[in-house]
Amino acid sequence: MANKQAHEIIVVYFKDGIDYKEQLETMKQIGINSSKTEGFVSREIFHCEPDNRWVDYFIWRDMAAADESIENSKKIPGAAELFAKIDQEKSVWSRYYKVSDK
């Protein structure tokens, strides 16, 4: 499966006290280096108002590119401050291979 596209789905919750505008800007900043990672295919961000949940959906050329993106995300200016806004206990990082269109 090394050459199959990897789908990364990250469900993100922010810590209390961070408003929508700051959350959106944080989501944008966290993914800024992703598009510069070799093997990046696409990224979409979704928001669910009732529970203030975000979904960050990436498609990577393969799992190796997804792994490299983690290293690149640490190079964002102010990365520690950005990631400190996220509720790490509630958020979920997961990766998948697509197995069917139906």
Protein backbone atom coordinates (compact mmCIF):
# COMPACT_ATOMS: atom_id res chain seq x y z
CA MET A 1 0.00 0.00 0.00
CA ALA A 2 3.04 2.25 -0.04
CA ASN A 3 2.01 3.86 -3.33
CA LYS A 4 -1.70 4.31 -2.49
CA GLN A 5 -3.02 7.74 -1.59
CA ALA A 6 -3.32 8.36 2.13
CA HIS A 7 -6.37 10.15 3.52
CA GLU A 8 -5.76 11.96 6.79
CA ILE A 9 -8.76 13.04 8.83
CA ILE A 10 -8.16 15.14 11.91
CA VAL A 11 -11.06 16.01 14.21
CA VAL A 12 -10.04 19.14 16.10
CA TYR A 13 -11.51 20.68 19.23
CA PHE A 14 -10.15 23.91 20.64
CA LYS A 15 -9.69 24.77 24.28
CA ASP A 16 -12.34 26.93 25.92
CA GLY A 17 -12.14 30.68 25.41
CA ILE A 18 -10.91 30.64 21.80
CA ASP A 19 -13.43 32.28 19.48
CA TYR A 20 -14.36 31.15 15.96
CA LYS A 21 -12.19 33.73 14.18
CA GLU A 22 -9.07 32.70 16.10
CA GLN A 23 -9.88 29.02 15.59
CA LEU A 24 -10.19 29.50 11.82
CA GLU A 25 -6.93 31.43 11.64
CA THR A 26 -5.20 28.73 13.71
CA MET A 27 -6.50 26.01 11.38
CA LYS A 28 -5.17 27.93 8.39
CA GLN A 29 -1.76 28.50 10.00
CA ILE A 30 -1.35 24.89 11.11
CA GLY A 31 -1.83 23.67 7.55
CA ILE A 32 0.31 26.35 5.89
CA ASN A 33 3.37 24.12 5.51
CA SER A 34 1.29 21.13 4.44
CA SER A 35 0.83 22.40 0.91
CA LYS A 36 4.61 22.76 0.67
CA THR A 37 5.17 19.10 1.58
CA GLU A 38 6.12 16.92 -1.37
CA GLY A 39 3.25 14.55 -1.96
CA PHE A 40 0.52 16.98 -0.88
CA VAL A 41 -2.62 16.49 -3.00
CA SER A 42 -5.35 18.51 -1.31
CA ARG A 43 -6.76 19.89 1.94
CA GLU A 44 -10.25 20.85 3.04
CA ILE A 45 -11.38 22.33 6.37
CA PHE A 46 -14.88 21.80 7.76
CA HIS A 47 -16.60 23.29 10.81
CA CYS A 48 -19.58 22.00 12.81
CA GLU A 49 -21.29 24.78 14.77
CA PRO A 50 -23.33 22.89 17.36
CA ASP A 51 -20.28 21.41 19.10
CA ASN A 52 -17.60 23.74 17.69
CA ARG A 53 -15.75 20.84 16.06
CA TRP A 54 -13.41 21.10 13.08
CA VAL A 55 -12.43 18.46 10.54
CA ASP A 56 -9.16 18.89 8.67
CA TYR A 57 -9.11 16.54 5.66
CA PHE A 58 -5.89 15.95 3.74
CA ILE A 59 -5.10 13.72 0.80
CA TRP A 60 -1.46 12.70 0.40
CA ARG A 61 0.34 10.92 -2.43
CA ASP A 62 1.18 8.16 0.04
CA MET A 63 1.66 7.53 3.74
CA ALA A 64 5.30 8.66 3.61
CA ALA A 65 4.18 12.13 2.51
CA ALA A 66 1.66 12.21 5.37
CA ASP A 67 4.48 11.34 7.78
CA GLU A 68 6.67 14.09 6.36
CA SER A 69 3.88 16.62 6.86
CA ILE A 70 4.07 16.06 10.62
CA GLU A 71 7.69 17.17 10.61
CA ASN A 72 6.84 20.18 8.44
CA SER A 73 4.03 21.25 10.78
CA LYS A 74 6.60 21.61 13.57
CA LYS A 75 8.46 24.21 11.47
CA ILE A 76 5.55 26.68 11.38
CA PRO A 77 6.57 29.94 13.06
CA GLY A 78 4.95 29.82 16.50
CA ALA A 79 3.97 26.14 16.14
CA ALA A 80 4.00 25.51 19.89
CA GLU A 81 1.61 28.41 20.50
CA LEU A 82 -0.71 27.28 17.69
CA PHE A 83 -0.89 23.67 18.88
CA ALA A 84 -1.35 24.82 22.51
CA LYS A 85 -4.81 26.13 21.53
CA ILE A 86 -6.00 22.64 20.58
CA ASP A 87 -7.64 20.35 23.11
CA GLN A 88 -5.37 17.34 22.55
CA GLU A 89 -7.49 15.01 24.70
CA LYS A 90 -10.65 15.47 22.61
CA SER A 91 -9.02 15.78 19.17
CA VAL A 92 -8.47 12.68 17.01
CA TRP A 93 -5.83 12.12 14.30
CA SER A 94 -6.39 9.24 11.90
CA ARG A 95 -5.19 8.03 8.51
CA TYR A 96 -6.83 5.76 5.99
CA TYR A 97 -6.45 4.12 2.61
CA LYS A 98 -9.49 4.35 0.35
CA VAL A 99 -10.83 0.86 -0.34
CA SER A 100 -14.04 1.51 -2.28
CA ASP A 101 -16.06 4.19 -4.05
CA LYS A 102 -19.32 2.39 -3.26
